[in-house]
């Protein structure tokens, strides 16, 4: 669990460094963002996936990026040291965080 949280933290930090529309205070903020995001995902992600199951089928699972963007937006609203400028940036960030997280899991 700590391993997954650290990898997600690195993914969030890298994406915030790459995208100009994301502001993050420091590395520790990335860890806290990963913790908050993971907690929100744990408690509500499965419900959102269940409610949007038909859209997941039609889009071959790509609607999961929209769910991740929504969860990232909620995280943005809950945290003061983490800011995303627009919904477009949120969608791109959700896609990149998912891809970087998957890549880091694959590498390590």
C-alpha atoms as a PDB file:
ATOM      1  CA  UNK A   1       0.000   0.000   0.000  1.00  0.00           C
ATOM      2  CA  UNK A   2       2.811   2.442   0.858  1.00  0.00           C
ATOM      3  CA  UNK A   3       4.600   1.393  -2.335  1.00  0.00           C
ATOM      4  CA  UNK A   4       1.503   2.209  -4.422  1.00  0.00           C
ATOM      5  CA  UNK A   5       1.096   5.530  -2.639  1.00  0.00           C
ATOM      6  CA  UNK A   6       4.715   6.487  -3.334  1.00  0.00           C
ATOM      7  CA  UNK A   7       4.395   5.604  -7.012  1.00  0.00           C
ATOM      8  CA  UNK A   8       1.182   7.622  -7.288  1.00  0.00           C
ATOM      9  CA  UNK A   9       2.941  10.522  -5.536  1.00  0.00           C
ATOM     10  CA  UNK A  10       5.764  10.441  -8.074  1.00  0.00           C
ATOM     11  CA  UNK A  11       3.236  10.297 -10.917  1.00  0.00           C
ATOM     12  CA  UNK A  12       1.356  13.307  -9.533  1.00  0.00           C
ATOM     13  CA  UNK A  13       4.581  15.256  -9.023  1.00  0.00           C
ATOM     14  CA  UNK A  14       5.810  14.483 -12.560  1.00  0.00           C
ATOM     15  CA  UNK A  15       2.506  15.438 -14.159  1.00  0.00           C
ATOM     16  CA  UNK A  16       2.355  18.674 -12.156  1.00  0.00           C
ATOM     17  CA  UNK A  17       5.853  19.464 -13.384  1.00  0.00           C
ATOM     18  CA  UNK A  18       4.921  18.743 -17.027  1.00  0.00           C
ATOM     19  CA  UNK A  19       1.557  20.519 -17.190  1.00  0.00           C
ATOM     20  CA  UNK A  20       1.602  24.290 -16.714  1.00  0.00           C
ATOM     21  CA  UNK A  21      -2.024  24.331 -15.520  1.00  0.00           C
ATOM     22  CA  UNK A  22      -1.255  22.439 -12.304  1.00  0.00           C
ATOM     23  CA  UNK A  23       0.240  24.054  -9.243  1.00  0.00           C
ATOM     24  CA  UNK A  24       1.592  21.933  -6.426  1.00  0.00           C
ATOM     25  CA  UNK A  25       3.492  23.328  -3.460  1.00  0.00           C
ATOM     26  CA  UNK A  26       6.185  20.664  -2.990  1.00  0.00           C
ATOM     27  CA  UNK A  27       6.926  16.941  -2.976  1.00  0.00           C
ATOM     28  CA  UNK A  28       5.158  16.422   0.349  1.00  0.00           C
ATOM     29  CA  UNK A  29       2.045  17.994  -1.103  1.00  0.00           C
ATOM     30  CA  UNK A  30       2.195  15.384  -3.882  1.00  0.00           C
ATOM     31  CA  UNK A  31       2.223  12.652  -1.222  1.00  0.00           C
ATOM     32  CA  UNK A  32      -0.783  14.200   0.522  1.00  0.00           C
ATOM     33  CA  UNK A  33      -2.581  14.618  -2.823  1.00  0.00           C
ATOM     34  CA  UNK A  34      -1.923  10.942  -3.566  1.00  0.00           C
ATOM     35  CA  UNK A  35      -3.277   9.979  -0.150  1.00  0.00           C
ATOM     36  CA  UNK A  36      -6.435  12.100  -0.520  1.00  0.00           C
ATOM     37  CA  UNK A  37      -6.979  10.953  -4.121  1.00  0.00           C
ATOM     38  CA  UNK A  38      -6.518   7.303  -3.143  1.00  0.00           C
ATOM     39  CA  UNK A  39      -8.935   7.655  -0.240  1.00  0.00           C
ATOM     40  CA  UNK A  40     -11.598   9.283  -2.407  1.00  0.00           C
ATOM     41  CA  UNK A  41     -11.049   6.636  -5.075  1.00  0.00           C
ATOM     42  CA  UNK A  42     -11.313   3.836  -2.498  1.00  0.00           C
ATOM     43  CA  UNK A  43     -14.620   5.079  -1.087  1.00  0.00           C
ATOM     44  CA  UNK A  44     -16.350   6.392  -4.219  1.00  0.00           C
ATOM     45  CA  UNK A  45     -14.452   5.148  -7.286  1.00  0.00           C
ATOM     46  CA  UNK A  46     -16.102   1.738  -7.308  1.00  0.00           C
ATOM     47  CA  UNK A  47     -19.564   3.311  -6.997  1.00  0.00           C
ATOM     48  CA  UNK A  48     -18.922   5.703  -9.879  1.00  0.00           C
ATOM     49  CA  UNK A  49     -17.593   2.832 -11.997  1.00  0.00           C
ATOM     50  CA  UNK A  50     -20.692   0.790 -11.186  1.00  0.00           C
ATOM     51  CA  UNK A  51     -23.069   3.651 -11.978  1.00  0.00           C
ATOM     52  CA  UNK A  52     -21.338   4.391 -15.280  1.00  0.00           C
ATOM     53  CA  UNK A  53     -20.850   0.758 -16.288  1.00  0.00           C
ATOM     54  CA  UNK A  54     -22.842   1.131 -19.541  1.00  0.00           C
ATOM     55  CA  UNK A  55     -20.614   4.056 -20.576  1.00  0.00           C
ATOM     56  CA  UNK A  56     -17.553   1.997 -19.683  1.00  0.00           C
ATOM     57  CA  UNK A  57     -18.766  -0.764 -21.989  1.00  0.00           C
ATOM     58  CA  UNK A  58     -19.547   1.615 -24.869  1.00  0.00           C
ATOM     59  CA  UNK A  59     -16.215   3.451 -24.587  1.00  0.00           C
ATOM     60  CA  UNK A  60     -14.187   0.278 -24.009  1.00  0.00           C
ATOM     61  CA  UNK A  61     -13.154   1.486 -20.548  1.00  0.00           C
ATOM     62  CA  UNK A  62     -12.017   4.957 -21.603  1.00  0.00           C
ATOM     63  CA  UNK A  63     -14.740   6.566 -19.491  1.00  0.00           C
ATOM     64  CA  UNK A  64     -12.579   5.604 -16.506  1.00  0.00           C
ATOM     65  CA  UNK A  65     -10.426   8.644 -17.398  1.00  0.00           C
ATOM     66  CA  UNK A  66     -13.481  10.865 -16.883  1.00  0.00           C
ATOM     67  CA  UNK A  67     -14.090   9.267 -13.480  1.00  0.00           C
ATOM     68  CA  UNK A  68     -10.421   9.772 -12.578  1.00  0.00           C
ATOM     69  CA  UNK A  69     -10.662  13.413 -13.689  1.00  0.00           C
ATOM     70  CA  UNK A  70     -13.713  13.893 -11.481  1.00  0.00           C
ATOM     71  CA  UNK A  71     -11.897  12.381  -8.502  1.00  0.00           C
ATOM     72  CA  UNK A  72      -8.891  14.583  -9.231  1.00  0.00           C
ATOM     73  CA  UNK A  73     -11.171  17.628  -9.375  1.00  0.00           C
ATOM     74  CA  UNK A  74     -12.624  16.718  -5.959  1.00  0.00           C
ATOM     75  CA  UNK A  75      -9.074  16.382  -4.623  1.00  0.00           C
ATOM     76  CA  UNK A  76      -8.266  19.815  -6.042  1.00  0.00           C
ATOM     77  CA  UNK A  77     -11.261  21.325  -4.250  1.00  0.00           C
ATOM     78  CA  UNK A  78     -10.338  19.694  -0.932  1.00  0.00           C
ATOM     79  CA  UNK A  79      -6.675  20.747  -0.898  1.00  0.00           C
ATOM     80  CA  UNK A  80      -5.349  24.266  -0.649  1.00  0.00           C
ATOM     81  CA  UNK A  81      -1.783  23.559  -1.868  1.00  0.00           C
ATOM     82  CA  UNK A  82      -2.955  21.726  -5.016  1.00  0.00           C
ATOM     83  CA  UNK A  83      -4.599  23.640  -7.847  1.00  0.00           C
ATOM     84  CA  UNK A  84      -5.715  22.736 -11.351  1.00  0.00           C
ATOM     85  CA  UNK A  85      -6.684  25.658 -13.602  1.00  0.00           C
ATOM     86  CA  UNK A  86      -9.278  24.148 -15.956  1.00  0.00           C
ATOM     87  CA  UNK A  87     -11.387  21.101 -16.696  1.00  0.00           C
ATOM     88  CA  UNK A  88      -9.308  20.398 -19.788  1.00  0.00           C
ATOM     89  CA  UNK A  89      -6.152  20.353 -17.703  1.00  0.00           C
ATOM     90  CA  UNK A  90      -7.926  18.076 -15.220  1.00  0.00           C
ATOM     91  CA  UNK A  91      -8.810  15.587 -17.978  1.00  0.00           C
ATOM     92  CA  UNK A  92      -5.274  15.618 -19.398  1.00  0.00           C
ATOM     93  CA  UNK A  93      -3.785  15.328 -15.905  1.00  0.00           C
ATOM     94  CA  UNK A  94      -6.030  12.365 -15.057  1.00  0.00           C
ATOM     95  CA  UNK A  95      -4.957  10.591 -18.244  1.00  0.00           C
ATOM     96  CA  UNK A  96      -1.279  11.327 -17.665  1.00  0.00           C
ATOM     97  CA  UNK A  97      -1.384  10.367 -13.985  1.00  0.00           C
ATOM     98  CA  UNK A  98      -3.043   7.069 -14.893  1.00  0.00           C
ATOM     99  CA  UNK A  99      -0.487   6.385 -17.639  1.00  0.00           C
ATOM    100  CA  UNK A 100       2.559   7.416 -15.572  1.00  0.00           C
ATOM    101  CA  UNK A 101       1.287   5.448 -12.566  1.00  0.00           C
ATOM    102  CA  UNK A 102       0.805   2.354 -14.747  1.00  0.00           C
ATOM    103  CA  UNK A 103       4.232   2.809 -16.338  1.00  0.00           C
ATOM    104  CA  UNK A 104       5.954   3.174 -12.978  1.00  0.00           C
ATOM    105  CA  UNK A 105       4.171   0.081 -11.662  1.00  0.00           C
ATOM    106  CA  UNK A 106       5.313  -1.804 -14.740  1.00  0.00           C
ATOM    107  CA  UNK A 107       8.934  -0.651 -14.336  1.00  0.00           C
ATOM    108  CA  UNK A 108       9.148  -1.225 -10.587  1.00  0.00           C
END
